[in-house]
Amino acid sequence: MEYGEVKKDLIFVTLCTVRSGKFEDAVKATKGLPKAVPPGIKLKVRYSLFGRFDAIFIFEAQDEATATKFVRWLQDTLDTETFLAVPWAE
């Protein structure tokens, strides 16, 4: 990072499947989003999905540790796969 450059938040994509027997718990836990996200997380998009995964969350975090806290919170009721998204170079 160059002197004077502003550090940008990292973009993460998390794909989720509801754990067996946890559907109602997952709905309750995620109902308060985006207001209930931990500090340092900016939830950009959340969608329900048809297919292999049940939901997708796209969010920004200042670093991997902050993102991990959010994903671990989701893992109370969801199985997750999280990816760091990198913008295409111009």
PDB file of N, CA and C in Angstrom:
ATOM      1  N   MET A   1       0.847  -1.162   0.000  1.00  0.00           N
ATOM      2  CA  MET A   1       0.000   0.000   0.000  1.00  0.00           C
ATOM      3  C   MET A   1       0.901   1.236   0.000  1.00  0.00           C
ATOM      4  N   GLU A   2       0.579   2.177  -0.849  1.00  0.00           N
ATOM      5  CA  GLU A   2       1.347   3.406  -0.966  1.00  0.00           C
ATOM      6  C   GLU A   2       0.986   4.377   0.151  1.00  0.00           C
ATOM      7  N   TYR A   3       1.910   5.261   0.478  1.00  0.00           N
ATOM      8  CA  TYR A   3       1.659   6.280   1.491  1.00  0.00           C
ATOM      9  C   TYR A   3       0.465   7.126   1.064  1.00  0.00           C
ATOM     10  N   GLY A   4      -0.449   7.355   1.993  1.00  0.00           N
ATOM     11  CA  GLY A   4      -1.623   8.174   1.710  1.00  0.00           C
ATOM     12  C   GLY A   4      -2.787   7.410   1.106  1.00  0.00           C
ATOM     13  N   GLU A   5      -2.557   6.145   0.718  1.00  0.00           N
ATOM     14  CA  GLU A   5      -3.633   5.327   0.159  1.00  0.00           C
ATOM     15  C   GLU A   5      -4.595   4.906   1.264  1.00  0.00           C
ATOM     16  N   VAL A   6      -5.872   4.892   0.948  1.00  0.00           N
ATOM     17  CA  VAL A   6      -6.878   4.449   1.910  1.00  0.00           C
ATOM     18  C   VAL A   6      -7.093   2.958   1.721  1.00  0.00           C
ATOM     19  N   LYS A   7      -7.003   2.207   2.823  1.00  0.00           N
ATOM     20  CA  LYS A   7      -7.217   0.764   2.743  1.00  0.00           C
ATOM     21  C   LYS A   7      -8.694   0.495   2.487  1.00  0.00           C
ATOM     22  N   LYS A   8      -8.968  -0.289   1.462  1.00  0.00           N
ATOM     23  CA  LYS A   8     -10.342  -0.651   1.121  1.00  0.00           C
ATOM     24  C   LYS A   8     -10.728  -1.921   1.856  1.00  0.00           C
ATOM     25  N   ASP A   9     -12.023  -2.034   2.156  1.00  0.00           N
ATOM     26  CA  ASP A   9     -12.515  -3.263   2.764  1.00  0.00           C
ATOM     27  C   ASP A   9     -12.394  -4.412   1.767  1.00  0.00           C
ATOM     28  N   LEU A  10     -12.220  -5.598   2.296  1.00  0.00           N
ATOM     29  CA  LEU A  10     -12.179  -6.811   1.483  1.00  0.00           C
ATOM     30  C   LEU A  10     -13.603  -7.284   1.236  1.00  0.00           C
ATOM     31  N   ILE A  11     -13.827  -7.910   0.104  1.00  0.00           N
ATOM     32  CA  ILE A  11     -15.152  -8.429  -0.260  1.00  0.00           C
ATOM     33  C   ILE A  11     -15.142  -9.939  -0.093  1.00  0.00           C
ATOM     34  N   PHE A  12     -16.155 -10.450   0.597  1.00  0.00           N
ATOM     35  CA  PHE A  12     -16.290 -11.884   0.823  1.00  0.00           C
ATOM     36  C   PHE A  12     -17.627 -12.375   0.301  1.00  0.00           C
ATOM     37  N   VAL A  13     -17.633 -13.615  -0.188  1.00  0.00           N
ATOM     38  CA  VAL A  13     -18.845 -14.291  -0.634  1.00  0.00           C
ATOM     39  C   VAL A  13     -18.971 -15.566   0.184  1.00  0.00           C
ATOM     40  N   THR A  14     -20.107 -15.729   0.865  1.00  0.00           N
ATOM     41  CA  THR A  14     -20.338 -16.931   1.655  1.00  0.00           C
ATOM     42  C   THR A  14     -21.567 -17.656   1.121  1.00  0.00           C
ATOM     43  N   LEU A  15     -21.367 -18.904   0.730  1.00  0.00           N
ATOM     44  CA  LEU A  15     -22.456 -19.777   0.291  1.00  0.00           C
ATOM     45  C   LEU A  15     -22.852 -20.652   1.470  1.00  0.00           C
ATOM     46  N   CYS A  16     -24.161 -20.831   1.677  1.00  0.00           N
ATOM     47  CA  CYS A  16     -24.644 -21.512   2.880  1.00  0.00           C
ATOM     48  C   CYS A  16     -25.664 -22.595   2.565  1.00  0.00           C
ATOM     49  N   THR A  17     -25.643 -23.637   3.390  1.00  0.00           N
ATOM     50  CA  THR A  17     -26.717 -24.626   3.418  1.00  0.00           C
ATOM     51  C   THR A  17     -27.183 -24.735   4.865  1.00  0.00           C
ATOM     52  N   VAL A  18     -28.487 -24.871   5.024  1.00  0.00           N
ATOM     53  CA  VAL A  18     -29.059 -24.978   6.368  1.00  0.00           C
ATOM     54  C   VAL A  18     -28.731 -26.352   6.931  1.00  0.00           C
ATOM     55  N   ARG A  19     -28.270 -26.381   8.159  1.00  0.00           N
ATOM     56  CA  ARG A  19     -27.970 -27.655   8.814  1.00  0.00           C
ATOM     57  C   ARG A  19     -29.258 -28.428   9.057  1.00  0.00           C
ATOM     58  N   SER A  20     -29.167 -29.732   8.996  1.00  0.00           N
ATOM     59  CA  SER A  20     -30.323 -30.597   9.179  1.00  0.00           C
ATOM     60  C   SER A  20     -31.025 -30.283  10.497  1.00  0.00           C
ATOM     61  N   GLY A  21     -32.323 -30.042  10.416  1.00  0.00           N
ATOM     62  CA  GLY A  21     -33.123 -29.755  11.597  1.00  0.00           C
ATOM     63  C   GLY A  21     -32.983 -28.346  12.142  1.00  0.00           C
ATOM     64  N   LYS A  22     -32.272 -27.473  11.429  1.00  0.00           N
ATOM     65  CA  LYS A  22     -32.003 -26.119  11.926  1.00  0.00           C
ATOM     66  C   LYS A  22     -32.697 -25.023  11.113  1.00  0.00           C
ATOM     67  N   PHE A  23     -33.665 -25.389  10.260  1.00  0.00           N
ATOM     68  CA  PHE A  23     -34.275 -24.390   9.378  1.00  0.00           C
ATOM     69  C   PHE A  23     -34.899 -23.241  10.161  1.00  0.00           C
ATOM     70  N   GLU A  24     -35.747 -23.554  11.134  1.00  0.00           N
ATOM     71  CA  GLU A  24     -36.415 -22.500  11.909  1.00  0.00           C
ATOM     72  C   GLU A  24     -35.400 -21.643  12.658  1.00  0.00           C
ATOM     73  N   ASP A  25     -34.373 -22.271  13.222  1.00  0.00           N
ATOM     74  CA  ASP A  25     -33.329 -21.532  13.930  1.00  0.00           C
ATOM     75  C   ASP A  25     -32.569 -20.600  12.983  1.00  0.00           C
ATOM     76  N   ALA A  26     -32.310 -21.080  11.770  1.00  0.00           N
ATOM     77  CA  ALA A  26     -31.598 -20.264  10.782  1.00  0.00           C
ATOM     78  C   ALA A  26     -32.427 -19.053  10.385  1.00  0.00           C
ATOM     79  N   VAL A  27     -33.722 -19.255  10.195  1.00  0.00           N
ATOM     80  CA  VAL A  27     -34.611 -18.140   9.842  1.00  0.00           C
ATOM     81  C   VAL A  27     -34.613 -17.104  10.967  1.00  0.00           C
ATOM     82  N   LYS A  28     -34.748 -17.555  12.203  1.00  0.00           N
ATOM     83  CA  LYS A  28     -34.752 -16.631  13.347  1.00  0.00           C
ATOM     84  C   LYS A  28     -33.426 -15.886  13.469  1.00  0.00           C
ATOM     85  N   ALA A  29     -32.332 -16.598  13.313  1.00  0.00           N
ATOM     86  CA  ALA A  29     -31.004 -15.997  13.497  1.00  0.00           C
ATOM     87  C   ALA A  29     -30.703 -14.939  12.440  1.00  0.00           C
ATOM     88  N   THR A  30     -31.134 -15.173  11.214  1.00  0.00           N
ATOM     89  CA  THR A  30     -30.794 -14.248  10.133  1.00  0.00           C
ATOM     90  C   THR A  30     -31.882 -13.209   9.875  1.00  0.00           C
ATOM     91  N   LYS A  31     -32.991 -13.303  10.570  1.00  0.00           N
ATOM     92  CA  LYS A  31     -34.108 -12.372  10.353  1.00  0.00           C
ATOM     93  C   LYS A  31     -33.705 -10.921  10.638  1.00  0.00           C
ATOM     94  N   GLY A  32     -32.866 -10.703  11.643  1.00  0.00           N
ATOM     95  CA  GLY A  32     -32.466  -9.359  12.016  1.00  0.00           C
ATOM     96  C   GLY A  32     -31.379  -8.741  11.153  1.00  0.00           C
ATOM     97  N   LEU A  33     -30.866  -9.499  10.198  1.00  0.00           N
ATOM     98  CA  LEU A  33     -29.833  -8.948   9.325  1.00  0.00           C
ATOM     99  C   LEU A  33     -30.452  -7.904   8.405  1.00  0.00           C
ATOM    100  N   PRO A  34     -29.800  -6.855   8.034  1.00  0.00           N
ATOM    101  CA  PRO A  34     -28.397  -6.530   8.281  1.00  0.00           C
ATOM    102  C   PRO A  34     -28.137  -5.804   9.596  1.00  0.00           C
ATOM    103  N   LYS A  35     -29.164  -5.483  10.374  1.00  0.00           N
ATOM    104  CA  LYS A  35     -28.959  -4.730  11.620  1.00  0.00           C
ATOM    105  C   LYS A  35     -28.139  -5.495  12.648  1.00  0.00           C
ATOM    106  N   ALA A  36     -28.191  -6.807  12.621  1.00  0.00           N
ATOM    107  CA  ALA A  36     -27.548  -7.627  13.651  1.00  0.00           C
ATOM    108  C   ALA A  36     -26.119  -8.052  13.316  1.00  0.00           C
ATOM    109  N   VAL A  37     -25.552  -7.557  12.234  1.00  0.00           N
ATOM    110  CA  VAL A  37     -24.192  -7.985  11.879  1.00  0.00           C
ATOM    111  C   VAL A  37     -23.181  -7.423  12.877  1.00  0.00           C
ATOM    112  N   PRO A  38     -22.101  -8.146  13.093  1.00  0.00           N
ATOM    113  CA  PRO A  38     -21.074  -7.676  14.028  1.00  0.00           C
ATOM    114  C   PRO A  38     -20.426  -6.375  13.535  1.00  0.00           C
ATOM    115  N   PRO A  39     -19.814  -5.610  14.441  1.00  0.00           N
ATOM    116  CA  PRO A  39     -19.086  -4.405  14.029  1.00  0.00           C
ATOM    117  C   PRO A  39     -18.004  -4.748  13.013  1.00  0.00           C
ATOM    118  N   GLY A  40     -17.826  -3.871  12.043  1.00  0.00           N
ATOM    119  CA  GLY A  40     -16.797  -4.080  11.026  1.00  0.00           C
ATOM    120  C   GLY A  40     -17.276  -4.844   9.808  1.00  0.00           C
ATOM    121  N   ILE A  41     -18.550  -5.277   9.798  1.00  0.00           N
ATOM    122  CA  ILE A  41     -19.124  -6.012   8.666  1.00  0.00           C
ATOM    123  C   ILE A  41     -20.142  -5.123   7.974  1.00  0.00           C
ATOM    124  N   LYS A  42     -20.029  -5.050   6.659  1.00  0.00           N
ATOM    125  CA  LYS A  42     -21.028  -4.347   5.848  1.00  0.00           C
ATOM    126  C   LYS A  42     -21.693  -5.384   4.950  1.00  0.00           C
ATOM    127  N   LEU A  43     -22.900  -5.790   5.318  1.00  0.00           N
ATOM    128  CA  LEU A  43     -23.625  -6.774   4.521  1.00  0.00           C
ATOM    129  C   LEU A  43     -24.168  -6.090   3.282  1.00  0.00           C
ATOM    130  N   LYS A  44     -23.721  -6.527   2.111  1.00  0.00           N
ATOM    131  CA  LYS A  44     -24.115  -5.908   0.852  1.00  0.00           C
ATOM    132  C   LYS A  44     -25.327  -6.585   0.233  1.00  0.00           C
ATOM    133  N   VAL A  45     -25.319  -7.919   0.231  1.00  0.00           N
ATOM    134  CA  VAL A  45     -26.377  -8.680  -0.438  1.00  0.00           C
ATOM    135  C   VAL A  45     -26.604  -9.977   0.312  1.00  0.00           C
ATOM    136  N   ARG A  46     -27.856 -10.384   0.394  1.00  0.00           N
ATOM    137  CA  ARG A  46     -28.182 -11.738   0.862  1.00  0.00           C
ATOM    138  C   ARG A  46     -29.362 -12.213   0.033  1.00  0.00           C
ATOM    139  N   TYR A  47     -29.241 -13.412  -0.454  1.00  0.00           N
ATOM    140  CA  TYR A  47     -30.283 -14.011  -1.276  1.00  0.00           C
ATOM    141  C   TYR A  47     -30.532 -15.441  -0.831  1.00  0.00           C
ATOM    142  N   SER A  48     -31.780 -15.871  -0.963  1.00  0.00           N
ATOM    143  CA  SER A  48     -32.100 -17.297  -0.884  1.00  0.00           C
ATOM    144  C   SER A  48     -31.809 -17.879  -2.255  1.00  0.00           C
ATOM    145  N   LEU A  49     -31.385 -19.118  -2.283  1.00  0.00           N
ATOM    146  CA  LEU A  49     -31.017 -19.756  -3.547  1.00  0.00           C
ATOM    147  C   LEU A  49     -31.795 -21.050  -3.756  1.00  0.00           C
ATOM    148  N   PHE A  50     -31.993 -21.403  -5.003  1.00  0.00           N
ATOM    149  CA  PHE A  50     -32.515 -22.707  -5.379  1.00  0.00           C
ATOM    150  C   PHE A  50     -31.322 -23.515  -5.884  1.00  0.00           C
ATOM    151  N   GLY A  51     -31.189 -24.750  -5.420  1.00  0.00           N
ATOM    152  CA  GLY A  51     -30.074 -25.569  -5.870  1.00  0.00           C
ATOM    153  C   GLY A  51     -29.271 -26.109  -4.710  1.00  0.00           C
ATOM    154  N   ARG A  52     -27.996 -26.338  -4.949  1.00  0.00           N
ATOM    155  CA  ARG A  52     -27.107 -26.952  -3.958  1.00  0.00           C
ATOM    156  C   ARG A  52     -27.004 -26.128  -2.673  1.00  0.00           C
ATOM    157  N   PHE A  53     -26.995 -24.803  -2.795  1.00  0.00           N
ATOM    158  CA  PHE A  53     -26.889 -23.931  -1.636  1.00  0.00           C
ATOM    159  C   PHE A  53     -28.233 -23.273  -1.351  1.00  0.00           C
ATOM    160  N   ASP A  54     -28.456 -22.944  -0.079  1.00  0.00           N
ATOM    161  CA  ASP A  54     -29.719 -22.334   0.333  1.00  0.00           C
ATOM    162  C   ASP A  54     -29.665 -20.816   0.382  1.00  0.00           C
ATOM    163  N   ALA A  55     -28.472 -20.254   0.564  1.00  0.00           N
ATOM    164  CA  ALA A  55     -28.348 -18.802   0.688  1.00  0.00           C
ATOM    165  C   ALA A  55     -26.951 -18.349   0.295  1.00  0.00           C
ATOM    166  N   ILE A  56     -26.863 -17.071  -0.050  1.00  0.00           N
ATOM    167  CA  ILE A  56     -25.579 -16.441  -0.330  1.00  0.00           C
ATOM    168  C   ILE A  56     -25.545 -15.100   0.398  1.00  0.00           C
ATOM    169  N   PHE A  57     -24.405 -14.809   1.007  1.00  0.00           N
ATOM    170  CA  PHE A  57     -24.162 -13.528   1.651  1.00  0.00           C
ATOM    171  C   PHE A  57     -22.937 -12.914   0.988  1.00  0.00           C
ATOM    172  N   ILE A  58     -23.043 -11.667   0.560  1.00  0.00           N
ATOM    173  CA  ILE A  58     -21.893 -10.925   0.053  1.00  0.00           C
ATOM    174  C   ILE A  58     -21.694  -9.763   1.014  1.00  0.00           C
ATOM    175  N   PHE A  59     -20.497  -9.696   1.573  1.00  0.00           N
ATOM    176  CA  PHE A  59     -20.257  -8.671   2.580  1.00  0.00           C
ATOM    177  C   PHE A  59     -18.831  -8.145   2.497  1.00  0.00           C
ATOM    178  N   GLU A  60     -18.618  -6.992   3.106  1.00  0.00           N
ATOM    179  CA  GLU A  60     -17.299  -6.397   3.196  1.00  0.00           C
ATOM    180  C   GLU A  60     -16.833  -6.438   4.648  1.00  0.00           C
ATOM    181  N   ALA A  61     -15.534  -6.611   4.812  1.00  0.00           N
ATOM    182  CA  ALA A  61     -14.917  -6.592   6.139  1.00  0.00           C
ATOM    183  C   ALA A  61     -13.540  -5.970   6.004  1.00  0.00           C
ATOM    184  N   GLN A  62     -13.064  -5.404   7.099  1.00  0.00           N
ATOM    185  CA  GLN A  62     -11.763  -4.740   7.063  1.00  0.00           C
ATOM    186  C   GLN A  62     -10.615  -5.734   6.942  1.00  0.00           C
ATOM    187  N   ASP A  63     -10.844  -6.973   7.413  1.00  0.00           N
ATOM    188  CA  ASP A  63      -9.792  -7.991   7.343  1.00  0.00           C
ATOM    189  C   ASP A  63     -10.416  -9.378   7.502  1.00  0.00           C
ATOM    190  N   GLU A  64      -9.582 -10.395   7.315  1.00  0.00           N
ATOM    191  CA  GLU A  64     -10.051 -11.775   7.388  1.00  0.00           C
ATOM    192  C   GLU A  64     -10.548 -12.142   8.782  1.00  0.00           C
ATOM    193  N   ALA A  65      -9.917 -11.615   9.814  1.00  0.00           N
ATOM    194  CA  ALA A  65     -10.330 -11.939  11.187  1.00  0.00           C
ATOM    195  C   ALA A  65     -11.749 -11.454  11.462  1.00  0.00           C
ATOM    196  N   THR A  66     -12.070 -10.263  10.992  1.00  0.00           N
ATOM    197  CA  THR A  66     -13.426  -9.724  11.170  1.00  0.00           C
ATOM    198  C   THR A  66     -14.430 -10.555  10.386  1.00  0.00           C
ATOM    199  N   ALA A  67     -14.082 -10.929   9.164  1.00  0.00           N
ATOM    200  CA  ALA A  67     -14.965 -11.769   8.350  1.00  0.00           C
ATOM    201  C   ALA A  67     -15.199 -13.118   9.022  1.00  0.00           C
ATOM    202  N   THR A  68     -14.156 -13.670   9.611  1.00  0.00           N
ATOM    203  CA  THR A  68     -14.259 -14.970  10.277  1.00  0.00           C
ATOM    204  C   THR A  68     -15.250 -14.924  11.432  1.00  0.00           C
ATOM    205  N   LYS A  69     -15.279 -13.843  12.181  1.00  0.00           N
ATOM    206  CA  LYS A  69     -16.234 -13.709  13.288  1.00  0.00           C
ATOM    207  C   LYS A  69     -17.667 -13.778  12.785  1.00  0.00           C
ATOM    208  N   PHE A  70     -17.938 -13.104  11.663  1.00  0.00           N
ATOM    209  CA  PHE A  70     -19.282 -13.121  11.087  1.00  0.00           C
ATOM    210  C   PHE A  70     -19.640 -14.519  10.591  1.00  0.00           C
ATOM    211  N   VAL A  71     -18.729 -15.156   9.883  1.00  0.00           N
ATOM    212  CA  VAL A  71     -18.996 -16.492   9.341  1.00  0.00           C
ATOM    213  C   VAL A  71     -19.195 -17.501  10.469  1.00  0.00           C
ATOM    214  N   ARG A  72     -18.408 -17.399  11.517  1.00  0.00           N
ATOM    215  CA  ARG A  72     -18.590 -18.315  12.660  1.00  0.00           C
ATOM    216  C   ARG A  72     -19.954 -18.122  13.305  1.00  0.00           C
ATOM    217  N   TRP A  73     -20.429 -16.889  13.348  1.00  0.00           N
ATOM    218  CA  TRP A  73     -21.774 -16.621  13.872  1.00  0.00           C
ATOM    219  C   TRP A  73     -22.829 -17.320  12.995  1.00  0.00           C
ATOM    220  N   LEU A  74     -22.652 -17.261  11.683  1.00  0.00           N
ATOM    221  CA  LEU A  74     -23.583 -17.938  10.767  1.00  0.00           C
ATOM    222  C   LEU A  74     -23.563 -19.450  10.974  1.00  0.00           C
ATOM    223  N   GLN A  75     -22.417 -19.991  11.357  1.00  0.00           N
ATOM    224  CA  GLN A  75     -22.249 -21.437  11.450  1.00  0.00           C
ATOM    225  C   GLN A  75     -22.986 -22.078  12.621  1.00  0.00           C
ATOM    226  N   ASP A  76     -23.670 -21.283  13.429  1.00  0.00           N
ATOM    227  CA  ASP A  76     -24.516 -21.883  14.468  1.00  0.00           C
ATOM    228  C   ASP A  76     -25.647 -22.695  13.835  1.00  0.00           C
ATOM    229  N   THR A  77     -26.119 -22.255  12.675  1.00  0.00           N
ATOM    230  CA  THR A  77     -27.250 -22.927  12.023  1.00  0.00           C
ATOM    231  C   THR A  77     -26.983 -23.280  10.557  1.00  0.00           C
ATOM    232  N   LEU A  78     -25.876 -22.809  10.007  1.00  0.00           N
ATOM    233  CA  LEU A  78     -25.599 -22.987   8.580  1.00  0.00           C
ATOM    234  C   LEU A  78     -24.227 -23.602   8.365  1.00  0.00           C
ATOM    235  N   ASP A  79     -24.115 -24.454   7.358  1.00  0.00           N
ATOM    236  CA  ASP A  79     -22.809 -24.884   6.877  1.00  0.00           C
ATOM    237  C   ASP A  79     -22.394 -23.871   5.821  1.00  0.00           C
ATOM    238  N   THR A  80     -21.144 -23.449   5.835  1.00  0.00           N
ATOM    239  CA  THR A  80     -20.728 -22.347   4.967  1.00  0.00           C
ATOM    240  C   THR A  80     -19.473 -22.672   4.168  1.00  0.00           C
ATOM    241  N   GLU A  81     -19.352 -21.989   3.029  1.00  0.00           N
ATOM    242  CA  GLU A  81     -18.126 -21.930   2.240  1.00  0.00           C
ATOM    243  C   GLU A  81     -17.919 -20.458   1.940  1.00  0.00           C
ATOM    244  N   THR A  82     -16.765 -19.929   2.317  1.00  0.00           N
ATOM    245  CA  THR A  82     -16.505 -18.503   2.143  1.00  0.00           C
ATOM    246  C   THR A  82     -15.311 -18.284   1.228  1.00  0.00           C
ATOM    247  N   PHE A  83     -15.449 -17.285   0.363  1.00  0.00           N
ATOM    248  CA  PHE A  83     -14.422 -16.957  -0.619  1.00  0.00           C
ATOM    249  C   PHE A  83     -14.091 -15.475  -0.526  1.00  0.00           C
ATOM    250  N   LEU A  84     -12.830 -15.141  -0.720  1.00  0.00           N
ATOM    251  CA  LEU A  84     -12.422 -13.752  -0.855  1.00  0.00           C
ATOM    252  C   LEU A  84     -12.606 -13.384  -2.320  1.00  0.00           C
ATOM    253  N   ALA A  85     -13.369 -12.329  -2.587  1.00  0.00           N
ATOM    254  CA  ALA A  85     -13.631 -11.899  -3.963  1.00  0.00           C
ATOM    255  C   ALA A  85     -12.642 -10.794  -4.325  1.00  0.00           C
ATOM    256  N   VAL A  86     -12.023 -10.941  -5.472  1.00  0.00           N
ATOM    257  CA  VAL A  86     -11.043  -9.959  -5.939  1.00  0.00           C
ATOM    258  C   VAL A  86     -11.541  -9.343  -7.243  1.00  0.00           C
ATOM    259  N   PRO A  87     -11.686  -8.012  -7.272  1.00  0.00           N
ATOM    260  CA  PRO A  87     -12.171  -7.369  -8.502  1.00  0.00           C
ATOM    261  C   PRO A  87     -11.223  -7.632  -9.673  1.00  0.00           C
ATOM    262  N   TRP A  88     -11.799  -7.728 -10.853  1.00  0.00           N
ATOM    263  CA  TRP A  88     -10.997  -7.866 -12.066  1.00  0.00           C
ATOM    264  C   TRP A  88     -10.188  -6.601 -12.262  1.00  0.00           C
ATOM    265  N   ALA A  89      -8.971  -6.740 -12.739  1.00  0.00           N
ATOM    266  CA  ALA A  89      -8.146  -5.574 -13.028  1.00  0.00           C
ATOM    267  C   ALA A  89      -8.745  -4.821 -14.215  1.00  0.00           C
ATOM    268  N   GLU A  90      -8.660  -3.528 -14.171  1.00  0.00           N
ATOM    269  CA  GLU A  90      -9.194  -2.700 -15.273  1.00  0.00           C
ATOM    270  C   GLU A  90      -8.354  -2.864 -16.512  1.00  0.00           C
TER     271      GLU A  90
END
